[in-house]
Amino acid sequence: MSESGSNAELEVIDPRLEPSTQADAIDRVCRDLGFFRIPFDVIDVQTRERAWDDAAAFFALPEAEKLGAAFPEPGYPYGYAPFEYERLAASDGDLDESVERPDLKETLSVGPDCLGAIPSWTDPSEGWLRSPSMWPAAPASLRQSFSAYFAALSVVSARLLSIMAIALDMPGDHFDSLIDQHTAALRALRYPPLTSEPDPNALRAGAHSDYGTLTILRTDGVPGLEVRDASGQWRPVVDEPGTFVVNLGDSIQRWTNDRWRSTVHRVTPVDSGERHSMAFFHMANWNASIECLPTCQSPSNAARYEPVMAGPWLMEKFKRTVG
């Protein structure tokens, strides 16, 4: 595992402010590292803390109870994944030497049914991404708290994408029709304490980039998250209390023709203690076309990527990470 460099300092963007006042700042941070922060107060404290507490309560259950919410079959998108189930680095191919080693974590993932009624679809494959979440029996409040958290961060994500559209010289509502039936996922993660020296190439979460539009992450402050900068150096992200960490996904990098970065990141065992986090992975609609925006190409800057449909492309990347 390669050594880390200097800390990554992340700028704060406030989506509650007038979008035009944040556009220049968001363009700068998205060109540079593709990571920034937003204040906790973008959602109310009860919504935030109830989901966090219920996630901790779930992970504190005996393994046999947690397995009641396990994936019903290989490749199913939502449910409980026990320790060393996933290999995130496999989603992007051989990014580093850890790709064949499973991640040192356990997770609980839920999907778009957090928002209630699931829209109809014409592509049978879309049913996979809209599969019912495997809700655990305990804690009893988890489905309600996770659904409220999911809904609140869906609103925040739409606000951020409006700011991004303005920063890209597009109308503020440009992304609205591409995310109005979005396929986001919410994942709670627990990294158990490491009681023995891990394999030197093992990671708590393997090196990867996220697949969708953006990710909103809450952590408990335990070190480990690192981002890979443009020079290829790994840089630790230091906790800043009272903020979420936001990073761009591959969809945005493709939409912007590499103007903005979907930065590779990982979680290392630099601290062997227990670590918790919650990640909201915002995705475009299943049938949204991910193709170069008109303001991000020119005769001298041709589109670098072929258009892809968001849902099938996401499904292909996800299915590489398990099994």
C-alpha atoms as a PDB file:
ATOM      1  CA  MET A   1       0.000   0.000   0.000  1.00  0.00           C
ATOM      2  CA  SER A   2       1.495   3.326  -1.069  1.00  0.00           C
ATOM      3  CA  GLU A   3       2.258   5.961   1.571  1.00  0.00           C
ATOM      4  CA  SER A   4       0.154   9.070   2.109  1.00  0.00           C
ATOM      5  CA  GLY A   5       1.187  12.677   1.557  1.00  0.00           C
ATOM      6  CA  SER A   6      -0.013  15.977   2.983  1.00  0.00           C
ATOM      7  CA  ASN A   7      -3.576  16.423   4.188  1.00  0.00           C
ATOM      8  CA  ALA A   8      -6.289  17.423   1.730  1.00  0.00           C
ATOM      9  CA  GLU A   9      -7.980  20.679   2.792  1.00  0.00           C
ATOM     10  CA  LEU A  10     -11.598  20.721   1.597  1.00  0.00           C
ATOM     11  CA  GLU A  11     -13.482  23.961   0.951  1.00  0.00           C
ATOM     12  CA  VAL A  12     -17.006  24.459   2.362  1.00  0.00           C
ATOM     13  CA  ILE A  13     -19.866  25.031  -0.114  1.00  0.00           C
ATOM     14  CA  ASP A  14     -23.248  26.053   1.329  1.00  0.00           C
ATOM     15  CA  PRO A  15     -26.173  24.937  -0.890  1.00  0.00           C
ATOM     16  CA  ARG A  16     -28.598  27.019   1.200  1.00  0.00           C
ATOM     17  CA  LEU A  17     -27.154  30.207  -0.284  1.00  0.00           C
ATOM     18  CA  GLU A  18     -28.084  31.760  -3.620  1.00  0.00           C
ATOM     19  CA  PRO A  19     -26.681  29.343  -6.253  1.00  0.00           C
ATOM     20  CA  SER A  20     -24.930  32.056  -8.256  1.00  0.00           C
ATOM     21  CA  THR A  21     -22.866  33.007  -5.186  1.00  0.00           C
ATOM     22  CA  GLN A  22     -21.494  29.465  -4.922  1.00  0.00           C
ATOM     23  CA  ALA A  23     -20.908  28.715  -8.601  1.00  0.00           C
ATOM     24  CA  ASP A  24     -17.331  30.000  -8.895  1.00  0.00           C
ATOM     25  CA  ALA A  25     -16.273  28.167  -5.744  1.00  0.00           C
ATOM     26  CA  ILE A  26     -17.835  24.893  -6.803  1.00  0.00           C
ATOM     27  CA  ASP A  27     -16.202  25.123 -10.230  1.00  0.00           C
ATOM     28  CA  ARG A  28     -12.822  25.623  -8.566  1.00  0.00           C
ATOM     29  CA  VAL A  29     -13.082  22.687  -6.143  1.00  0.00           C
ATOM     30  CA  CYS A  30     -14.550  20.363  -8.772  1.00  0.00           C
ATOM     31  CA  ARG A  31     -11.687  21.129 -11.171  1.00  0.00           C
ATOM     32  CA  ASP A  32      -9.098  20.604  -8.435  1.00  0.00           C
ATOM     33  CA  LEU A  33      -9.931  17.582  -6.284  1.00  0.00           C
ATOM     34  CA  GLY A  34     -13.620  16.864  -6.824  1.00  0.00           C
ATOM     35  CA  PHE A  35     -14.116  16.839  -3.035  1.00  0.00           C
ATOM     36  CA  PHE A  36     -15.617  19.543  -0.830  1.00  0.00           C
ATOM     37  CA  ARG A  37     -17.681  19.954   2.346  1.00  0.00           C
ATOM     38  CA  ILE A  38     -21.198  21.131   3.137  1.00  0.00           C
ATOM     39  CA  PRO A  39     -22.572  22.057   6.587  1.00  0.00           C
ATOM     40  CA  PHE A  40     -24.449  19.483   8.679  1.00  0.00           C
ATOM     41  CA  ASP A  41     -27.256  22.030   9.006  1.00  0.00           C
ATOM     42  CA  VAL A  42     -28.382  21.540   5.403  1.00  0.00           C
ATOM     43  CA  ILE A  43     -30.736  18.961   6.987  1.00  0.00           C
ATOM     44  CA  ASP A  44     -32.367  19.100  10.389  1.00  0.00           C
ATOM     45  CA  VAL A  45     -30.587  17.596  13.371  1.00  0.00           C
ATOM     46  CA  GLN A  46     -33.265  15.018  14.244  1.00  0.00           C
ATOM     47  CA  THR A  47     -33.273  13.544  10.740  1.00  0.00           C
ATOM     48  CA  ARG A  48     -29.504  13.398  10.764  1.00  0.00           C
ATOM     49  CA  GLU A  49     -29.010  11.904  14.217  1.00  0.00           C
ATOM     50  CA  ARG A  50     -31.830   9.354  14.170  1.00  0.00           C
ATOM     51  CA  ALA A  51     -30.450   7.707  11.041  1.00  0.00           C
ATOM     52  CA  TRP A  52     -26.921   7.726  12.449  1.00  0.00           C
ATOM     53  CA  ASP A  53     -28.021   6.222  15.780  1.00  0.00           C
ATOM     54  CA  ASP A  54     -30.134   3.527  14.113  1.00  0.00           C
ATOM     55  CA  ALA A  55     -27.202   2.511  11.919  1.00  0.00           C
ATOM     56  CA  ALA A  56     -25.000   2.087  15.008  1.00  0.00           C
ATOM     57  CA  ALA A  57     -27.748   0.094  16.733  1.00  0.00           C
ATOM     58  CA  PHE A  58     -28.053  -2.230  13.751  1.00  0.00           C
ATOM     59  CA  PHE A  59     -24.330  -2.941  13.600  1.00  0.00           C
ATOM     60  CA  ALA A  60     -24.310  -3.671  17.348  1.00  0.00           C
ATOM     61  CA  LEU A  61     -26.691  -6.618  16.820  1.00  0.00           C
ATOM     62  CA  PRO A  62     -25.422 -10.201  16.826  1.00  0.00           C
ATOM     63  CA  GLU A  63     -24.239 -11.361  13.416  1.00  0.00           C
ATOM     64  CA  ALA A  64     -27.128 -13.840  13.081  1.00  0.00           C
ATOM     65  CA  GLU A  65     -29.683 -11.009  13.424  1.00  0.00           C
ATOM     66  CA  LYS A  66     -27.879  -8.784  10.919  1.00  0.00           C
ATOM     67  CA  LEU A  67     -27.844 -11.638   8.421  1.00  0.00           C
ATOM     68  CA  GLY A  68     -31.643 -11.517   8.435  1.00  0.00           C
ATOM     69  CA  ALA A  69     -31.247  -8.525   6.095  1.00  0.00           C
ATOM     70  CA  ALA A  70     -28.529 -10.125   3.948  1.00  0.00           C
ATOM     71  CA  PHE A  71     -28.568  -9.963   0.153  1.00  0.00           C
ATOM     72  CA  PRO A  72     -31.039 -12.666  -0.951  1.00  0.00           C
ATOM     73  CA  GLU A  73     -28.825 -13.612  -3.892  1.00  0.00           C
ATOM     74  CA  PRO A  74     -25.406 -12.693  -5.323  1.00  0.00           C
ATOM     75  CA  GLY A  75     -25.456  -9.340  -7.095  1.00  0.00           C
ATOM     76  CA  TYR A  76     -28.604  -8.076  -5.352  1.00  0.00           C
ATOM     77  CA  PRO A  77     -28.159  -4.308  -4.862  1.00  0.00           C
ATOM     78  CA  TYR A  78     -29.510  -3.774  -1.325  1.00  0.00           C
ATOM     79  CA  GLY A  79     -29.114  -5.475   2.022  1.00  0.00           C
ATOM     80  CA  TYR A  80     -26.522  -6.400   4.614  1.00  0.00           C
ATOM     81  CA  ALA A  81     -22.996  -7.321   3.521  1.00  0.00           C
ATOM     82  CA  PRO A  82     -20.860  -8.983   6.201  1.00  0.00           C
ATOM     83  CA  PHE A  83     -17.191  -8.342   6.846  1.00  0.00           C
ATOM     84  CA  GLU A  84     -14.949  -8.917   3.795  1.00  0.00           C
ATOM     85  CA  TYR A  85     -17.889  -9.352   1.395  1.00  0.00           C
ATOM     86  CA  GLU A  86     -17.071  -6.550  -1.049  1.00  0.00           C
ATOM     87  CA  ARG A  87     -14.069  -5.537  -3.188  1.00  0.00           C
ATOM     88  CA  LEU A  88     -14.643  -1.908  -4.154  1.00  0.00           C
ATOM     89  CA  ALA A  89     -11.415  -1.612  -6.119  1.00  0.00           C
ATOM     90  CA  ALA A  90     -12.758  -4.129  -8.629  1.00  0.00           C
ATOM     91  CA  SER A  91     -15.355  -1.611  -9.846  1.00  0.00           C
ATOM     92  CA  ASP A  92     -12.675   0.396 -11.648  1.00  0.00           C
ATOM     93  CA  GLY A  93     -10.317  -2.431 -12.573  1.00  0.00           C
ATOM     94  CA  ASP A  94      -6.758  -2.799 -11.324  1.00  0.00           C
ATOM     95  CA  LEU A  95      -6.311   0.555  -9.636  1.00  0.00           C
ATOM     96  CA  ASP A  96      -3.852  -0.851  -7.125  1.00  0.00           C
ATOM     97  CA  GLU A  97      -2.474  -4.033  -5.617  1.00  0.00           C
ATOM     98  CA  SER A  98      -5.453  -4.471  -3.263  1.00  0.00           C
ATOM     99  CA  VAL A  99      -8.003  -5.237  -5.979  1.00  0.00           C
ATOM    100  CA  GLU A 100      -8.173  -8.968  -5.208  1.00  0.00           C
ATOM    101  CA  ARG A 101      -8.425  -8.454  -1.442  1.00  0.00           C
ATOM    102  CA  PRO A 102     -11.837  -7.964   0.180  1.00  0.00           C
ATOM    103  CA  ASP A 103     -12.599  -4.765   2.047  1.00  0.00           C
ATOM    104  CA  LEU A 104     -12.318  -4.748   5.850  1.00  0.00           C
ATOM    105  CA  LYS A 105     -15.869  -3.549   6.513  1.00  0.00           C
ATOM    106  CA  GLU A 106     -19.525  -4.508   6.825  1.00  0.00           C
ATOM    107  CA  THR A 107     -22.387  -2.526   5.279  1.00  0.00           C
ATOM    108  CA  LEU A 108     -26.146  -2.060   5.141  1.00  0.00           C
ATOM    109  CA  SER A 109     -27.475  -0.598   1.877  1.00  0.00           C
ATOM    110  CA  VAL A 110     -30.998   0.569   0.991  1.00  0.00           C
ATOM    111  CA  GLY A 111     -32.408   1.921  -2.237  1.00  0.00           C
ATOM    112  CA  PRO A 112     -35.000   4.111  -3.960  1.00  0.00           C
ATOM    113  CA  ASP A 113     -37.956   2.553  -2.139  1.00  0.00           C
ATOM    114  CA  CYS A 114     -36.964   4.934   0.672  1.00  0.00           C
ATOM    115  CA  LEU A 115     -38.991   7.502  -1.300  1.00  0.00           C
ATOM    116  CA  GLY A 116     -42.142   5.382  -1.314  1.00  0.00           C
ATOM    117  CA  ALA A 117     -43.919   4.343  -4.499  1.00  0.00           C
ATOM    118  CA  ILE A 118     -41.565   3.075  -7.188  1.00  0.00           C
ATOM    119  CA  PRO A 119     -42.247   4.479 -10.688  1.00  0.00           C
ATOM    120  CA  SER A 120     -43.069   2.124 -13.509  1.00  0.00           C
ATOM    121  CA  TRP A 121     -40.381   1.238 -16.016  1.00  0.00           C
ATOM    122  CA  THR A 122     -40.161  -0.100 -19.550  1.00  0.00           C
ATOM    123  CA  ASP A 123     -36.650  -1.586 -19.383  1.00  0.00           C
ATOM    124  CA  PRO A 124     -36.822  -4.891 -17.457  1.00  0.00           C
ATOM    125  CA  SER A 125     -33.259  -4.347 -16.245  1.00  0.00           C
ATOM    126  CA  GLU A 126     -34.371  -1.229 -14.386  1.00  0.00           C
ATOM    127  CA  GLY A 127     -36.221  -3.509 -12.006  1.00  0.00           C
ATOM    128  CA  TRP A 128     -32.847  -4.643 -10.661  1.00  0.00           C
ATOM    129  CA  LEU A 129     -31.881  -1.135  -9.530  1.00  0.00           C
ATOM    130  CA  ARG A 130     -35.352  -0.563  -8.096  1.00  0.00           C
ATOM    131  CA  SER A 131     -35.359  -3.846  -6.167  1.00  0.00           C
ATOM    132  CA  PRO A 132     -36.959  -3.700  -2.696  1.00  0.00           C
ATOM    133  CA  SER A 133     -34.560  -2.924   0.123  1.00  0.00           C
ATOM    134  CA  MET A 134     -33.902  -5.727   2.615  1.00  0.00           C
ATOM    135  CA  TRP A 135     -35.066  -3.899   5.721  1.00  0.00           C
ATOM    136  CA  PRO A 136     -33.811  -5.382   9.006  1.00  0.00           C
ATOM    137  CA  ALA A 137     -36.264  -6.253  11.783  1.00  0.00           C
ATOM    138  CA  ALA A 138     -34.297  -4.189  14.304  1.00  0.00           C
ATOM    139  CA  PRO A 139     -34.038  -1.488  15.252  1.00  0.00           C
ATOM    140  CA  ALA A 140     -37.746  -1.004  14.558  1.00  0.00           C
ATOM    141  CA  SER A 141     -37.278   2.688  13.678  1.00  0.00           C
ATOM    142  CA  LEU A 142     -34.537   2.129  11.091  1.00  0.00           C
ATOM    143  CA  ARG A 143     -36.728   2.083   7.983  1.00  0.00           C
ATOM    144  CA  GLN A 144     -38.388   5.360   8.976  1.00  0.00           C
ATOM    145  CA  SER A 145     -35.151   7.111   9.949  1.00  0.00           C
ATOM    146  CA  PHE A 146     -33.215   5.936   6.899  1.00  0.00           C
ATOM    147  CA  SER A 147     -36.071   6.938   4.581  1.00  0.00           C
ATOM    148  CA  ALA A 148     -36.254  10.443   6.092  1.00  0.00           C
ATOM    149  CA  TYR A 149     -32.477  10.840   5.781  1.00  0.00           C
ATOM    150  CA  PHE A 150     -32.591   9.586   2.185  1.00  0.00           C
ATOM    151  CA  ALA A 151     -35.338  12.064   1.283  1.00  0.00           C
ATOM    152  CA  ALA A 152     -33.552  15.005   2.921  1.00  0.00           C
ATOM    153  CA  LEU A 153     -30.280  14.312   1.122  1.00  0.00           C
ATOM    154  CA  SER A 154     -32.148  13.899  -2.177  1.00  0.00           C
ATOM    155  CA  VAL A 155     -33.228  17.525  -1.818  1.00  0.00           C
ATOM    156  CA  VAL A 156     -29.692  18.642  -0.927  1.00  0.00           C
ATOM    157  CA  SER A 157     -28.292  16.768  -3.948  1.00  0.00           C
ATOM    158  CA  ALA A 158     -30.728  18.542  -6.275  1.00  0.00           C
ATOM    159  CA  ARG A 159     -29.632  21.908  -4.855  1.00  0.00           C
ATOM    160  CA  LEU A 160     -25.984  21.050  -5.389  1.00  0.00           C
ATOM    161  CA  LEU A 161     -26.644  19.969  -8.968  1.00  0.00           C
ATOM    162  CA  SER A 162     -28.412  23.265  -9.614  1.00  0.00           C
ATOM    163  CA  ILE A 163     -25.302  25.136  -8.436  1.00  0.00           C
ATOM    164  CA  MET A 164     -23.161  22.856 -10.615  1.00  0.00           C
ATOM    165  CA  ALA A 165     -25.321  23.548 -13.672  1.00  0.00           C
ATOM    166  CA  ILE A 166     -24.873  27.302 -13.219  1.00  0.00           C
ATOM    167  CA  ALA A 167     -21.118  26.833 -12.731  1.00  0.00           C
ATOM    168  CA  LEU A 168     -21.072  24.970 -16.058  1.00  0.00           C
ATOM    169  CA  ASP A 169     -22.867  27.846 -17.836  1.00  0.00           C
ATOM    170  CA  MET A 170     -26.064  25.841 -18.087  1.00  0.00           C
ATOM    171  CA  PRO A 171     -29.550  26.776 -16.811  1.00  0.00           C
ATOM    172  CA  GLY A 172     -29.959  26.054 -13.113  1.00  0.00           C
ATOM    173  CA  ASP A 173     -32.677  23.494 -13.839  1.00  0.00           C
ATOM    174  CA  HIS A 174     -30.648  21.591 -16.453  1.00  0.00           C
ATOM    175  CA  PHE A 175     -30.309  18.397 -14.408  1.00  0.00           C
ATOM    176  CA  ASP A 176     -33.883  18.416 -13.040  1.00  0.00           C
ATOM    177  CA  SER A 177     -35.389  16.146 -15.695  1.00  0.00           C
ATOM    178  CA  LEU A 178     -32.398  13.786 -15.384  1.00  0.00           C
ATOM    179  CA  ILE A 179     -32.813  13.208 -11.632  1.00  0.00           C
ATOM    180  CA  ASP A 180     -36.576  13.458 -11.014  1.00  0.00           C
ATOM    181  CA  GLN A 181     -36.786   9.656 -10.665  1.00  0.00           C
ATOM    182  CA  HIS A 182     -33.268   9.175  -9.384  1.00  0.00           C
ATOM    183  CA  THR A 183     -31.874   5.829  -8.306  1.00  0.00           C
ATOM    184  CA  ALA A 184     -29.825   6.824  -5.263  1.00  0.00           C
ATOM    185  CA  ALA A 185     -28.653   4.410  -2.591  1.00  0.00           C
ATOM    186  CA  LEU A 186     -27.890   4.950   1.100  1.00  0.00           C
ATOM    187  CA  ARG A 187     -25.198   2.879   2.737  1.00  0.00           C
ATOM    188  CA  ALA A 188     -24.255   2.632   6.407  1.00  0.00           C
ATOM    189  CA  LEU A 189     -20.741   1.273   6.995  1.00  0.00           C
ATOM    190  CA  ARG A 190     -18.949  -0.164   9.984  1.00  0.00           C
ATOM    191  CA  TYR A 191     -15.232  -0.871   9.976  1.00  0.00           C
ATOM    192  CA  PRO A 192     -14.672  -3.250  12.906  1.00  0.00           C
ATOM    193  CA  PRO A 193     -11.622  -2.830  15.136  1.00  0.00           C
ATOM    194  CA  LEU A 194      -8.588  -4.610  13.736  1.00  0.00           C
ATOM    195  CA  THR A 195      -7.372  -6.928  16.460  1.00  0.00           C
ATOM    196  CA  SER A 196      -4.437  -8.274  14.471  1.00  0.00           C
ATOM    197  CA  GLU A 197      -2.033  -6.778  11.958  1.00  0.00           C
ATOM    198  CA  PRO A 198      -3.832  -6.757   8.566  1.00  0.00           C
ATOM    199  CA  ASP A 199      -2.266  -7.786   5.292  1.00  0.00           C
ATOM    200  CA  PRO A 200      -0.080  -4.788   4.278  1.00  0.00           C
ATOM    201  CA  ASN A 201      -2.060  -4.514   1.039  1.00  0.00           C
ATOM    202  CA  ALA A 202      -5.511  -4.811   2.645  1.00  0.00           C
ATOM    203  CA  LEU A 203      -7.756  -1.746   2.837  1.00  0.00           C
ATOM    204  CA  ARG A 204     -10.873  -0.934   4.787  1.00  0.00           C
ATOM    205  CA  ALA A 205     -12.374   0.227   1.477  1.00  0.00           C
ATOM    206  CA  GLY A 206     -10.450  -0.396  -1.723  1.00  0.00           C
ATOM    207  CA  ALA A 207      -9.424   2.382  -4.087  1.00  0.00           C
ATOM    208  CA  HIS A 208     -12.352   3.389  -6.294  1.00  0.00           C
ATOM    209  CA  SER A 209     -14.264   6.279  -7.769  1.00  0.00           C
ATOM    210  CA  ASP A 210     -18.007   6.590  -7.176  1.00  0.00           C
ATOM    211  CA  TYR A 211     -20.353   5.880 -10.052  1.00  0.00           C
ATOM    212  CA  GLY A 212     -23.165   8.397  -9.895  1.00  0.00           C
ATOM    213  CA  THR A 213     -23.574  12.164  -9.741  1.00  0.00           C
ATOM    214  CA  LEU A 214     -22.304  12.896  -6.232  1.00  0.00           C
ATOM    215  CA  THR A 215     -21.836  11.289  -2.824  1.00  0.00           C
ATOM    216  CA  ILE A 216     -22.663  12.873   0.540  1.00  0.00           C
ATOM    217  CA  LEU A 217     -20.646  11.249   3.325  1.00  0.00           C
ATOM    218  CA  ARG A 218     -20.815  11.488   7.094  1.00  0.00           C
ATOM    219  CA  THR A 219     -17.968  10.038   9.157  1.00  0.00           C
ATOM    220  CA  ASP A 220     -17.283   9.702  12.865  1.00  0.00           C
ATOM    221  CA  GLY A 221     -13.903  11.433  12.669  1.00  0.00           C
ATOM    222  CA  VAL A 222     -11.775   8.289  12.827  1.00  0.00           C
ATOM    223  CA  PRO A 223      -8.941   8.715  10.263  1.00  0.00           C
ATOM    224  CA  GLY A 224      -8.654   6.592   7.146  1.00  0.00           C
ATOM    225  CA  LEU A 225     -10.288   8.373   4.204  1.00  0.00           C
ATOM    226  CA  GLU A 226      -7.734   9.325   1.554  1.00  0.00           C
ATOM    227  CA  VAL A 227      -8.044  10.892  -1.897  1.00  0.00           C
ATOM    228  CA  ARG A 228      -5.671  10.549  -4.830  1.00  0.00           C
ATOM    229  CA  ASP A 229      -4.709  13.951  -6.240  1.00  0.00           C
ATOM    230  CA  ALA A 230      -3.855  14.812  -9.839  1.00  0.00           C
ATOM    231  CA  SER A 231      -0.201  13.917  -9.258  1.00  0.00           C
ATOM    232  CA  GLY A 232      -1.167  10.421  -8.078  1.00  0.00           C
ATOM    233  CA  GLN A 233      -0.340  11.052  -4.413  1.00  0.00           C
ATOM    234  CA  TRP A 234      -2.664   9.809  -1.677  1.00  0.00           C
ATOM    235  CA  ARG A 235      -3.756  12.605   0.687  1.00  0.00           C
ATOM    236  CA  PRO A 236      -5.636  12.058   3.974  1.00  0.00           C
ATOM    237  CA  VAL A 237      -8.936  13.886   4.504  1.00  0.00           C
ATOM    238  CA  VAL A 238      -8.919  15.293   8.025  1.00  0.00           C
ATOM    239  CA  ASP A 239     -12.259  15.409   9.843  1.00  0.00           C
ATOM    240  CA  GLU A 240     -13.900  18.807  10.202  1.00  0.00           C
ATOM    241  CA  PRO A 241     -16.724  18.533  12.779  1.00  0.00           C
ATOM    242  CA  GLY A 242     -20.152  19.683  11.687  1.00  0.00           C
ATOM    243  CA  THR A 243     -19.717  18.978   7.976  1.00  0.00           C
ATOM    244  CA  PHE A 244     -20.467  16.326   5.393  1.00  0.00           C
ATOM    245  CA  VAL A 245     -17.837  15.410   2.802  1.00  0.00           C
ATOM    246  CA  VAL A 246     -19.122  15.573  -0.787  1.00  0.00           C
ATOM    247  CA  ASN A 247     -17.382  14.089  -3.806  1.00  0.00           C
ATOM    248  CA  LEU A 248     -18.232  13.898  -7.486  1.00  0.00           C
ATOM    249  CA  GLY A 249     -19.051  10.638  -9.213  1.00  0.00           C
ATOM    250  CA  ASP A 250     -18.102   9.306 -12.636  1.00  0.00           C
ATOM    251  CA  SER A 251     -21.326  10.616 -14.208  1.00  0.00           C
ATOM    252  CA  ILE A 252     -20.279  14.216 -13.568  1.00  0.00           C
ATOM    253  CA  GLN A 253     -16.780  13.644 -14.924  1.00  0.00           C
ATOM    254  CA  ARG A 254     -18.256  12.240 -18.133  1.00  0.00           C
ATOM    255  CA  TRP A 255     -20.879  14.984 -18.391  1.00  0.00           C
ATOM    256  CA  THR A 256     -18.155  17.631 -18.026  1.00  0.00           C
ATOM    257  CA  ASN A 257     -15.654  15.971 -20.393  1.00  0.00           C
ATOM    258  CA  ASP A 258     -13.015  15.722 -17.632  1.00  0.00           C
ATOM    259  CA  ARG A 259     -13.339  19.402 -16.709  1.00  0.00           C
ATOM    260  CA  TRP A 260     -14.373  18.147 -13.246  1.00  0.00           C
ATOM    261  CA  ARG A 261     -12.884  15.172 -11.437  1.00  0.00           C
ATOM    262  CA  SER A 262     -14.391  12.004 -10.044  1.00  0.00           C
ATOM    263  CA  THR A 263     -11.461  11.402  -7.738  1.00  0.00           C
ATOM    264  CA  VAL A 264     -10.282   7.963  -6.702  1.00  0.00           C
ATOM    265  CA  HIS A 265     -10.395   7.474  -2.929  1.00  0.00           C
ATOM    266  CA  ARG A 266      -9.976   4.724  -0.350  1.00  0.00           C
ATOM    267  CA  VAL A 267     -10.170   4.006   3.383  1.00  0.00           C
ATOM    268  CA  THR A 268      -6.928   2.755   4.929  1.00  0.00           C
ATOM    269  CA  PRO A 269      -6.331   0.985   8.275  1.00  0.00           C
ATOM    270  CA  VAL A 270      -4.170   3.888   9.487  1.00  0.00           C
ATOM    271  CA  ASP A 271      -6.277   3.756  12.670  1.00  0.00           C
ATOM    272  CA  SER A 272      -7.110   0.227  13.838  1.00  0.00           C
ATOM    273  CA  GLY A 273     -10.085   1.343  15.936  1.00  0.00           C
ATOM    274  CA  GLU A 274     -13.751   0.947  15.091  1.00  0.00           C
ATOM    275  CA  ARG A 275     -14.968   3.370  12.412  1.00  0.00           C
ATOM    276  CA  HIS A 276     -18.487   4.295  11.238  1.00  0.00           C
ATOM    277  CA  SER A 277     -19.764   6.282   8.269  1.00  0.00           C
ATOM    278  CA  MET A 278     -22.884   6.809   6.160  1.00  0.00           C
ATOM    279  CA  ALA A 279     -22.751   7.472   2.420  1.00  0.00           C
ATOM    280  CA  PHE A 280     -25.606   8.734   0.239  1.00  0.00           C
ATOM    281  CA  PHE A 281     -24.851   7.872  -3.383  1.00  0.00           C
ATOM    282  CA  HIS A 282     -26.960  10.095  -5.619  1.00  0.00           C
ATOM    283  CA  MET A 283     -27.591   8.707  -9.102  1.00  0.00           C
ATOM    284  CA  ALA A 284     -29.324   9.997 -12.217  1.00  0.00           C
ATOM    285  CA  ASN A 285     -32.534   8.447 -13.538  1.00  0.00           C
ATOM    286  CA  TRP A 286     -32.133   4.962 -14.997  1.00  0.00           C
ATOM    287  CA  ASN A 287     -32.609   6.198 -18.570  1.00  0.00           C
ATOM    288  CA  ALA A 288     -30.675   9.466 -18.228  1.00  0.00           C
ATOM    289  CA  SER A 289     -28.109   9.916 -20.962  1.00  0.00           C
ATOM    290  CA  ILE A 290     -24.621  10.591 -19.623  1.00  0.00           C
ATOM    291  CA  GLU A 291     -23.083  12.513 -22.507  1.00  0.00           C
ATOM    292  CA  CYS A 292     -20.828  15.521 -22.834  1.00  0.00           C
ATOM    293  CA  LEU A 293     -22.540  18.816 -22.014  1.00  0.00           C
ATOM    294  CA  PRO A 294     -22.490  21.384 -24.837  1.00  0.00           C
ATOM    295  CA  THR A 295     -20.582  23.898 -22.681  1.00  0.00           C
ATOM    296  CA  CYS A 296     -17.837  21.335 -22.018  1.00  0.00           C
ATOM    297  CA  GLN A 297     -16.854  20.665 -25.628  1.00  0.00           C
ATOM    298  CA  SER A 298     -15.650  22.668 -28.594  1.00  0.00           C
ATOM    299  CA  PRO A 299     -13.944  22.089 -31.954  1.00  0.00           C
ATOM    300  CA  SER A 300     -10.633  21.953 -30.087  1.00  0.00           C
ATOM    301  CA  ASN A 301     -12.020  19.927 -27.157  1.00  0.00           C
ATOM    302  CA  ALA A 302     -14.002  17.016 -28.555  1.00  0.00           C
ATOM    303  CA  ALA A 303     -16.115  14.745 -26.350  1.00  0.00           C
ATOM    304  CA  ARG A 304     -13.867  12.096 -24.758  1.00  0.00           C
ATOM    305  CA  TYR A 305     -16.590   9.567 -23.854  1.00  0.00           C
ATOM    306  CA  GLU A 306     -19.320   7.792 -25.748  1.00  0.00           C
ATOM    307  CA  PRO A 307     -22.814   8.455 -24.343  1.00  0.00           C
ATOM    308  CA  VAL A 308     -24.065   5.828 -21.891  1.00  0.00           C
ATOM    309  CA  MET A 309     -27.431   5.241 -20.238  1.00  0.00           C
ATOM    310  CA  ALA A 310     -26.963   5.823 -16.511  1.00  0.00           C
ATOM    311  CA  GLY A 311     -28.706   2.754 -15.114  1.00  0.00           C
ATOM    312  CA  PRO A 312     -27.124  -0.087 -17.107  1.00  0.00           C
ATOM    313  CA  TRP A 313     -23.706   1.540 -16.768  1.00  0.00           C
ATOM    314  CA  LEU A 314     -24.108   1.738 -12.985  1.00  0.00           C
ATOM    315  CA  MET A 315     -25.308  -1.855 -12.799  1.00  0.00           C
ATOM    316  CA  GLU A 316     -22.265  -3.127 -14.649  1.00  0.00           C
ATOM    317  CA  LYS A 317     -19.852  -1.343 -12.271  1.00  0.00           C
ATOM    318  CA  PHE A 318     -21.706  -2.489  -9.136  1.00  0.00           C
ATOM    319  CA  LYS A 319     -21.751  -6.141 -10.098  1.00  0.00           C
ATOM    320  CA  ARG A 320     -17.963  -6.213 -10.448  1.00  0.00           C
ATOM    321  CA  THR A 321     -17.528  -5.494  -6.727  1.00  0.00           C
ATOM    322  CA  VAL A 322     -19.091  -8.658  -5.290  1.00  0.00           C
ATOM    323  CA  GLY A 323     -18.560 -12.353  -5.651  1.00  0.00           C
END
